[in-house]
Every structure is written in C-alpha cells, then in structure tokens.
Amino acid sequence: MQKPDSLIFDMDGTLWDAVDTYTESWNLIFKKLNLGRTVAKEQVLERIGWEGSKIMQVMLPEFDEERRKEIYGDVNNIRRQLLPKNGGVLYDGVLDGLKQLAGKYQLFILSNCGKGIIRIFIDWAGIDDYITDEIAYGVNNMPKHYNMKLLIDTHQLKAPVYIGDTLGDGDQSRQAGVPFVFVSYGFGKTDDYDLRFDDFKSLTDYFMDL
C-alpha cells in the first residue's frame, strides 16, 4: 500500500455510535403508522452500513417500493430532528485524532446514511475544520464504491484509503480500487483488509508517522 494523500472515513461504527437515536427514529415511525411493532437496538445494529434500498426491504416488507421510499424519507426527517439534540457517542480518540490527521491529509466522510446526516454529525462533533468534503448514499442513492470514485475525481485524489468497520466497507473499497483500513471496535467483522486498528489512537499514530 503506497503512502496515502487522503483518508476517507465511514461514519457509523468508525467515528461514532448513534444507534440509540437511529432505533428511536424507526420506532417513532412504526408508532405513527400503527404497525403494532417495534425494532430492537440489536436489529438496527445488524443493518448499520446497509444501503437504504436494502434496509427498506427488511424493515418495511408490507409496503411497495414507492411507499417504502416515502416512509424512509420520514425516518430520516425524524433523525435530522433528533440527532442535533441526542447525538451519539464519539469513539475515544476521534476528536483529537481527526485534528492531528487534518494537518497532514485531506479528510473525507462517506456513509450509507440519509442526506444531511453527515453534516449534522460534523456540526455535532465540532469537526468542520478538519473535513474537506462528505457524501452520503441519500444524496444520489449510489453505492459506496461509486461515491468513493466521485470523491476521488472531484478532489483529484492520488492515493486515498477507505476506513470502515464492516465486511461491506471492504467489498466496496475493493470495487473502487481503494485500500481498505479496518477498525475492529465498530459494528462489523472481517478478515479482508490491508490494515487493521483496534482503537482510533493507534490509527492516528500510524498515519501521523508515515
């Protein structure tokens, strides 16, 4: 793996844990629709990082695709209301690490979340000064490998790496031709990675020493 010029971060399970808020947003919608069911945090955890279309199929099987999109839009609207107040849990070392890394690399965030969610996270965490750009699945409904290439082309990146916490993150990185850095403290598991770190400080130290 050549020395990178940029680091592209996944958000959920890599930089923070906001699963409690995500779970609440689904359950508020289920209540609004009188579906007579709730979803547990563990079930939401299993689906973190999935593309919206796949989540909709699993969470809303009784509706057609058009209605699912409407409901999922409502879910994300609720999230946009809840997240600035409730936030999530920033992983140890992330704030200081991003500050250090931004002095040496261009930093990006790329997530399979709804439109506007990354911006809320950036503002909540106070990291706007460190992040060059961000893109979410909800902007164009395209998979991560497509959006990685979009960031690469837009910012003329020569040697980016993608940093995430799931098998899917690794698969999407491979499809984009980008090295994959796995953080084991997140939500997923995989043995297919170029580098692995068990905490954010170790990741920061490694890339600062290159």
Protein backbone atom coordinates (compact mmCIF):
# COMPACT_ATOMS: atom_id res chain seq x y z
CA MET A 1 0.00 0.00 0.00
CA GLN A 2 1.52 3.32 -1.06
CA LYS A 3 1.59 6.28 1.28
CA PRO A 4 -1.88 7.88 1.17
CA ASP A 5 -2.65 11.51 0.40
CA SER A 6 -6.19 11.33 1.79
CA LEU A 7 -8.29 9.38 4.29
CA ILE A 8 -11.97 8.65 3.61
CA PHE A 9 -13.88 7.65 6.74
CA ASP A 10 -17.05 5.68 7.17
CA MET A 11 -19.20 7.32 9.87
CA ASP A 12 -21.32 4.85 11.88
CA GLY A 13 -19.16 2.35 13.77
CA THR A 14 -16.00 4.16 12.70
CA LEU A 15 -16.31 7.68 14.11
CA TRP A 16 -19.38 7.38 16.37
CA ASP A 17 -22.23 5.22 17.62
CA ALA A 18 -25.70 6.78 17.20
CA VAL A 19 -27.65 3.52 17.12
CA ASP A 20 -29.91 4.51 20.04
CA THR A 21 -31.11 7.54 18.07
CA TYR A 22 -31.49 5.52 14.85
CA THR A 23 -33.57 2.94 16.71
CA GLU A 24 -35.78 5.64 18.20
CA SER A 25 -36.42 7.11 14.74
CA TRP A 26 -37.69 3.76 13.42
CA ASN A 27 -39.90 3.14 16.43
CA LEU A 28 -41.46 6.60 16.21
CA ILE A 29 -42.37 5.87 12.58
CA PHE A 30 -43.76 2.41 13.41
CA LYS A 31 -45.93 4.06 16.08
CA LYS A 32 -47.07 6.77 13.68
CA LEU A 33 -48.07 4.11 11.14
CA ASN A 34 -49.81 1.99 13.81
CA LEU A 35 -47.85 -1.09 12.75
CA GLY A 36 -48.03 -2.62 16.23
CA ARG A 37 -44.34 -3.49 16.37
CA THR A 38 -41.02 -2.09 17.46
CA VAL A 39 -37.45 -2.75 16.43
CA ALA A 40 -34.72 -3.55 18.96
CA LYS A 41 -31.36 -1.81 19.00
CA GLU A 42 -29.67 -5.14 18.18
CA GLN A 43 -31.71 -5.44 14.98
CA VAL A 44 -30.78 -1.93 13.89
CA LEU A 45 -27.12 -2.68 14.67
CA GLU A 46 -27.18 -5.65 12.30
CA ARG A 47 -28.25 -3.36 9.46
CA ILE A 48 -25.87 -0.46 10.05
CA GLY A 49 -23.98 0.31 6.85
CA TRP A 50 -26.56 -1.23 4.52
CA GLU A 51 -27.75 0.79 1.55
CA GLY A 52 -31.15 2.39 2.03
CA SER A 53 -32.93 0.18 -0.51
CA LYS A 54 -31.92 -2.99 1.34
CA ILE A 55 -32.87 -1.55 4.75
CA MET A 56 -36.28 -0.55 3.42
CA GLN A 57 -36.99 -4.09 2.15
CA VAL A 58 -36.20 -5.63 5.53
CA MET A 59 -37.79 -3.01 7.76
CA LEU A 60 -40.90 -2.34 5.67
CA PRO A 61 -41.77 -5.63 3.92
CA GLU A 62 -45.52 -4.96 3.82
CA PHE A 63 -45.22 -1.85 1.62
CA ASP A 64 -44.44 -1.40 -2.07
CA GLU A 65 -41.22 0.33 -3.14
CA GLU A 66 -42.81 3.75 -3.64
CA ARG A 67 -44.37 3.75 -0.17
CA ARG A 68 -41.15 2.46 1.39
CA LYS A 69 -39.26 5.44 -0.03
CA GLU A 70 -41.82 7.83 1.45
CA ILE A 71 -41.62 6.18 4.88
CA TYR A 72 -37.82 6.01 4.81
CA GLY A 73 -37.84 9.72 4.00
CA ASP A 74 -39.92 10.25 7.15
CA VAL A 75 -37.45 8.15 9.18
CA ASN A 76 -34.58 10.35 8.02
CA ASN A 77 -36.56 13.52 8.70
CA ILE A 78 -37.03 12.36 12.29
CA ARG A 79 -33.31 11.57 12.52
CA ARG A 80 -32.46 15.06 11.33
CA GLN A 81 -34.62 16.38 14.20
CA LEU A 82 -33.30 14.00 16.87
CA LEU A 83 -29.57 13.89 16.11
CA PRO A 84 -28.66 17.53 16.87
CA LYS A 85 -30.23 17.08 20.33
CA ASN A 86 -29.46 13.43 21.13
CA GLY A 87 -26.28 12.94 19.11
CA GLY A 88 -24.42 9.74 19.77
CA VAL A 89 -21.18 8.52 21.31
CA LEU A 90 -17.96 9.73 19.71
CA TYR A 91 -15.34 6.98 19.90
CA ASP A 92 -12.28 7.54 22.07
CA GLY A 93 -9.53 9.44 20.29
CA VAL A 94 -11.62 10.55 17.30
CA LEU A 95 -11.73 14.29 18.02
CA ASP A 96 -8.04 14.67 18.75
CA GLY A 97 -7.12 12.19 16.02
CA LEU A 98 -9.01 13.99 13.26
CA LYS A 99 -7.46 17.28 14.36
CA GLN A 100 -3.96 15.80 14.02
CA LEU A 101 -4.66 13.95 10.78
CA ALA A 102 -6.18 17.01 9.12
CA GLY A 103 -2.81 18.71 9.40
CA LYS A 104 -1.28 16.06 7.15
CA TYR A 105 -4.10 14.63 4.97
CA GLN A 106 -7.31 15.64 3.27
CA LEU A 107 -10.10 14.01 5.30
CA PHE A 108 -13.49 12.92 3.97
CA ILE A 109 -16.59 11.17 5.32
CA LEU A 110 -18.58 8.76 3.14
CA SER A 111 -21.57 6.92 4.60
CA ASN A 112 -24.64 4.97 3.54
CA CYS A 113 -26.85 7.30 5.58
CA GLY A 114 -29.60 9.69 4.56
CA LYS A 115 -28.96 13.10 3.01
CA GLY A 116 -27.90 15.70 5.56
CA ILE A 117 -26.99 13.24 8.33
CA ILE A 118 -23.22 13.56 7.88
CA ARG A 119 -23.46 17.35 8.10
CA ILE A 120 -25.41 17.04 11.36
CA PHE A 121 -22.72 14.71 12.70
CA ILE A 122 -19.92 17.10 11.67
CA ASP A 123 -21.63 20.02 13.39
CA TRP A 124 -22.50 17.98 16.49
CA ALA A 125 -18.91 16.71 16.85
CA GLY A 126 -17.36 20.11 16.08
CA ILE A 127 -15.08 18.76 13.34
CA ASP A 128 -15.98 21.03 10.42
CA ASP A 129 -12.47 22.49 10.30
CA TYR A 130 -10.98 19.04 9.72
CA ILE A 131 -13.25 17.61 7.00
CA THR A 132 -12.63 18.56 3.36
CA ASP A 133 -15.86 17.07 1.98
CA GLU A 134 -18.55 14.46 2.63
CA ILE A 135 -21.07 12.43 0.68
CA ALA A 136 -23.96 10.21 1.75
CA TYR A 137 -25.91 7.45 -0.01
CA GLY A 138 -29.01 9.64 0.35
CA VAL A 139 -27.55 12.29 -1.97
CA ASN A 140 -27.62 10.11 -5.10
CA ASN A 141 -28.72 6.62 -3.93
CA MET A 142 -25.45 5.19 -5.24
CA PRO A 143 -23.23 2.57 -3.53
CA LYS A 144 -20.06 3.45 -1.68
CA HIS A 145 -17.67 2.39 -4.45
CA TYR A 146 -19.37 4.85 -6.81
CA ASN A 147 -19.19 7.65 -4.26
CA MET A 148 -15.55 6.88 -3.46
CA LYS A 149 -14.74 7.39 -7.12
CA LEU A 150 -16.81 10.58 -7.10
CA LEU A 151 -14.70 11.99 -4.25
CA ILE A 152 -11.51 10.84 -5.96
CA ASP A 153 -12.44 12.55 -9.24
CA THR A 154 -13.84 15.71 -7.62
CA HIS A 155 -10.79 16.29 -5.44
CA GLN A 156 -8.19 14.67 -7.74
CA LEU A 157 -7.04 12.29 -5.03
CA LYS A 158 -3.96 10.25 -5.94
CA ALA A 159 -3.74 7.71 -3.10
CA PRO A 160 -6.84 7.57 -0.90
CA VAL A 161 -7.69 4.84 1.61
CA TYR A 162 -11.13 3.99 2.98
CA ILE A 163 -11.50 3.44 6.72
CA GLY A 164 -14.51 1.44 7.90
CA ASP A 165 -15.79 -1.24 10.24
CA THR A 166 -17.68 -3.83 8.15
CA LEU A 167 -17.18 -6.52 5.53
CA GLY A 168 -19.30 -4.41 3.18
CA ASP A 169 -16.93 -1.47 3.59
CA GLY A 170 -14.09 -3.72 2.48
CA ASP A 171 -16.04 -5.04 -0.52
CA GLN A 172 -16.91 -1.52 -1.67
CA SER A 173 -13.30 -0.39 -1.26
CA ARG A 174 -12.11 -3.26 -3.45
CA GLN A 175 -14.64 -2.35 -6.13
CA ALA A 176 -13.32 1.22 -6.10
CA GLY A 177 -9.71 0.03 -6.20
CA VAL A 178 -9.02 1.73 -2.87
CA PRO A 179 -7.07 0.12 0.03
CA PHE A 180 -9.27 -0.78 3.00
CA VAL A 181 -8.38 0.03 6.60
CA PHE A 182 -10.49 -1.92 9.12
CA VAL A 183 -11.31 -0.66 12.63
CA SER A 184 -12.25 -3.58 14.85
CA TYR A 185 -14.04 -1.58 17.56
CA GLY A 186 -17.06 -0.87 15.35
CA PHE A 187 -20.15 -2.87 14.40
CA GLY A 188 -18.80 -5.47 11.96
CA LYS A 189 -16.19 -8.16 11.44
CA THR A 190 -13.94 -9.01 8.52
CA ASP A 191 -10.59 -10.63 7.81
CA ASP A 192 -10.22 -8.91 4.43
CA TYR A 193 -8.29 -5.68 4.97
CA ASP A 194 -4.98 -4.01 4.17
CA LEU A 195 -4.53 -2.59 7.67
CA ARG A 196 -6.35 -3.12 10.96
CA PHE A 197 -6.56 -0.98 14.09
CA ASP A 198 -8.26 -1.76 17.40
CA ASP A 199 -8.64 1.88 18.51
CA PHE A 200 -8.58 5.31 16.87
CA LYS A 201 -5.41 6.46 18.62
CA SER A 202 -3.43 3.60 17.07
CA LEU A 203 -4.80 4.55 13.65
CA THR A 204 -3.87 8.20 14.21
CA ASP A 205 -0.37 7.35 15.38
CA TYR A 206 0.23 5.08 12.38
CA PHE A 207 -0.80 7.61 9.74
CA MET A 208 0.94 10.50 11.50
CA ASP A 209 4.21 8.51 11.50
CA LEU A 210 4.14 7.76 7.76
